[in-house]
Amino acid sequence: MVRYKPARADRKRKSPSGLREAIPCLVLLISGMALFFLLLYAVLRGS
């Protein structure tokens, strides 16, 4: 018969590194928005 061991409770928990994973996404989003606004500005200035 197989015995199941409970999950170890004394294991060290890693702190959530959500911010470290979100930085490239935020940089991409902000640079995309800046390019969009520059394009919009150039189009409006040309007319």
N, C-alpha and C. Protein backbone atom coordinates (compact mmCIF):
# COMPACT_ATOMS: atom_id res chain seq x y z
N MET A 1 0.84 -1.19 0.00
CA MET A 1 0.00 0.00 0.00
C MET A 1 0.89 1.26 0.00
N VAL A 2 0.49 2.23 -0.76
CA VAL A 2 1.30 3.44 -0.91
C VAL A 2 0.93 4.43 0.18
N ARG A 3 1.95 5.00 0.79
CA ARG A 3 1.71 6.02 1.81
C ARG A 3 2.03 7.39 1.21
N TYR A 4 1.14 8.32 1.44
CA TYR A 4 1.33 9.68 0.94
C TYR A 4 1.86 10.54 2.07
N LYS A 5 2.91 11.28 1.78
CA LYS A 5 3.46 12.20 2.77
C LYS A 5 2.83 13.58 2.56
N PRO A 6 2.50 14.27 3.64
CA PRO A 6 1.95 15.63 3.49
C PRO A 6 3.03 16.58 2.96
N ALA A 7 2.58 17.64 2.35
CA ALA A 7 3.53 18.63 1.82
C ALA A 7 4.32 19.23 2.97
N ARG A 8 5.58 19.48 2.73
CA ARG A 8 6.44 20.00 3.78
C ARG A 8 6.08 21.44 4.08
N ALA A 9 5.77 21.72 5.34
CA ALA A 9 5.37 23.06 5.75
C ALA A 9 6.58 23.92 6.10
N ASP A 10 7.73 23.29 6.39
CA ASP A 10 8.90 24.06 6.80
C ASP A 10 9.73 24.54 5.62
N ARG A 11 9.23 24.32 4.41
CA ARG A 11 9.96 24.75 3.22
C ARG A 11 9.94 26.28 3.13
N LYS A 12 11.08 26.84 2.76
CA LYS A 12 11.16 28.31 2.64
C LYS A 12 10.31 28.76 1.47
N ARG A 13 9.55 29.81 1.71
CA ARG A 13 8.71 30.36 0.64
C ARG A 13 9.46 31.46 -0.08
N LYS A 14 9.38 31.42 -1.39
CA LYS A 14 10.01 32.49 -2.17
C LYS A 14 9.08 33.70 -2.18
N SER A 15 9.66 34.86 -2.07
CA SER A 15 8.84 36.06 -2.15
C SER A 15 8.35 36.22 -3.58
N PRO A 16 7.13 36.69 -3.74
CA PRO A 16 6.61 36.82 -5.10
C PRO A 16 7.40 37.84 -5.91
N SER A 17 7.86 37.42 -7.07
CA SER A 17 8.67 38.31 -7.92
C SER A 17 7.84 38.79 -9.09
N GLY A 18 6.63 39.22 -8.82
CA GLY A 18 5.74 39.69 -9.87
C GLY A 18 6.24 40.97 -10.51
N LEU A 19 6.86 41.82 -9.69
CA LEU A 19 7.34 43.10 -10.22
C LEU A 19 8.49 42.88 -11.19
N ARG A 20 9.37 41.93 -10.87
CA ARG A 20 10.52 41.67 -11.74
C ARG A 20 10.06 41.13 -13.09
N GLU A 21 8.99 40.36 -13.11
CA GLU A 21 8.47 39.83 -14.37
C GLU A 21 7.65 40.86 -15.12
N ALA A 22 7.13 41.86 -14.42
CA ALA A 22 6.26 42.85 -15.05
C ALA A 22 7.04 44.00 -15.66
N ILE A 23 8.30 44.18 -15.29
CA ILE A 23 9.07 45.33 -15.78
C ILE A 23 9.22 45.34 -17.30
N PRO A 24 9.58 44.22 -17.97
CA PRO A 24 9.67 44.28 -19.43
C PRO A 24 8.33 44.59 -20.10
N CYS A 25 7.26 44.07 -19.53
CA CYS A 25 5.93 44.34 -20.09
C CYS A 25 5.59 45.82 -19.95
N LEU A 26 5.90 46.39 -18.80
CA LEU A 26 5.60 47.81 -18.59
C LEU A 26 6.45 48.69 -19.50
N VAL A 27 7.71 48.34 -19.69
CA VAL A 27 8.57 49.11 -20.59
C VAL A 27 8.03 49.06 -22.01
N LEU A 28 7.63 47.87 -22.45
CA LEU A 28 7.07 47.72 -23.79
C LEU A 28 5.78 48.51 -23.94
N LEU A 29 4.93 48.47 -22.94
CA LEU A 29 3.66 49.19 -23.00
C LEU A 29 3.88 50.70 -23.03
N ILE A 30 4.76 51.20 -22.20
CA ILE A 30 5.01 52.65 -22.14
C ILE A 30 5.67 53.13 -23.42
N SER A 31 6.62 52.35 -23.97
CA SER A 31 7.26 52.78 -25.22
C SER A 31 6.26 52.72 -26.37
N GLY A 32 5.38 51.74 -26.38
CA GLY A 32 4.35 51.68 -27.42
C GLY A 32 3.40 52.87 -27.34
N MET A 33 3.01 53.24 -26.13
CA MET A 33 2.14 54.41 -25.97
C MET A 33 2.84 55.69 -26.41
N ALA A 34 4.13 55.81 -26.07
CA ALA A 34 4.88 57.00 -26.47
C ALA A 34 5.00 57.09 -27.99
N LEU A 35 5.26 55.97 -28.66
CA LEU A 35 5.33 55.98 -30.12
C LEU A 35 3.99 56.33 -30.74
N PHE A 36 2.92 55.81 -30.16
CA PHE A 36 1.58 56.13 -30.67
C PHE A 36 1.29 57.62 -30.54
N PHE A 37 1.61 58.20 -29.38
CA PHE A 37 1.34 59.63 -29.20
C PHE A 37 2.23 60.49 -30.09
N LEU A 38 3.46 60.06 -30.33
CA LEU A 38 4.32 60.81 -31.24
C LEU A 38 3.80 60.75 -32.66
N LEU A 39 3.30 59.59 -33.07
CA LEU A 39 2.71 59.46 -34.40
C LEU A 39 1.47 60.32 -34.52
N LEU A 40 0.64 60.30 -33.50
CA LEU A 40 -0.57 61.12 -33.51
C LEU A 40 -0.22 62.61 -33.56
N TYR A 41 0.80 63.00 -32.81
CA TYR A 41 1.24 64.39 -32.81
C TYR A 41 1.76 64.80 -34.19
N ALA A 42 2.52 63.92 -34.84
CA ALA A 42 3.06 64.22 -36.15
C ALA A 42 1.94 64.35 -37.19
N VAL A 43 0.94 63.49 -37.09
CA VAL A 43 -0.19 63.55 -38.03
C VAL A 43 -0.98 64.84 -37.82
N LEU A 44 -1.24 65.20 -36.58
CA LEU A 44 -2.02 66.41 -36.31
C LEU A 44 -1.23 67.68 -36.65
N ARG A 45 0.07 67.64 -36.46
CA ARG A 45 0.89 68.82 -36.77
C ARG A 45 1.01 69.02 -38.29
N GLY A 46 0.99 67.92 -39.04
CA GLY A 46 1.12 68.02 -40.49
C GLY A 46 -0.12 68.58 -41.17
N SER A 47 -1.25 68.48 -40.53
CA SER A 47 -2.48 68.96 -41.20
C SER A 47 -2.70 70.45 -41.04
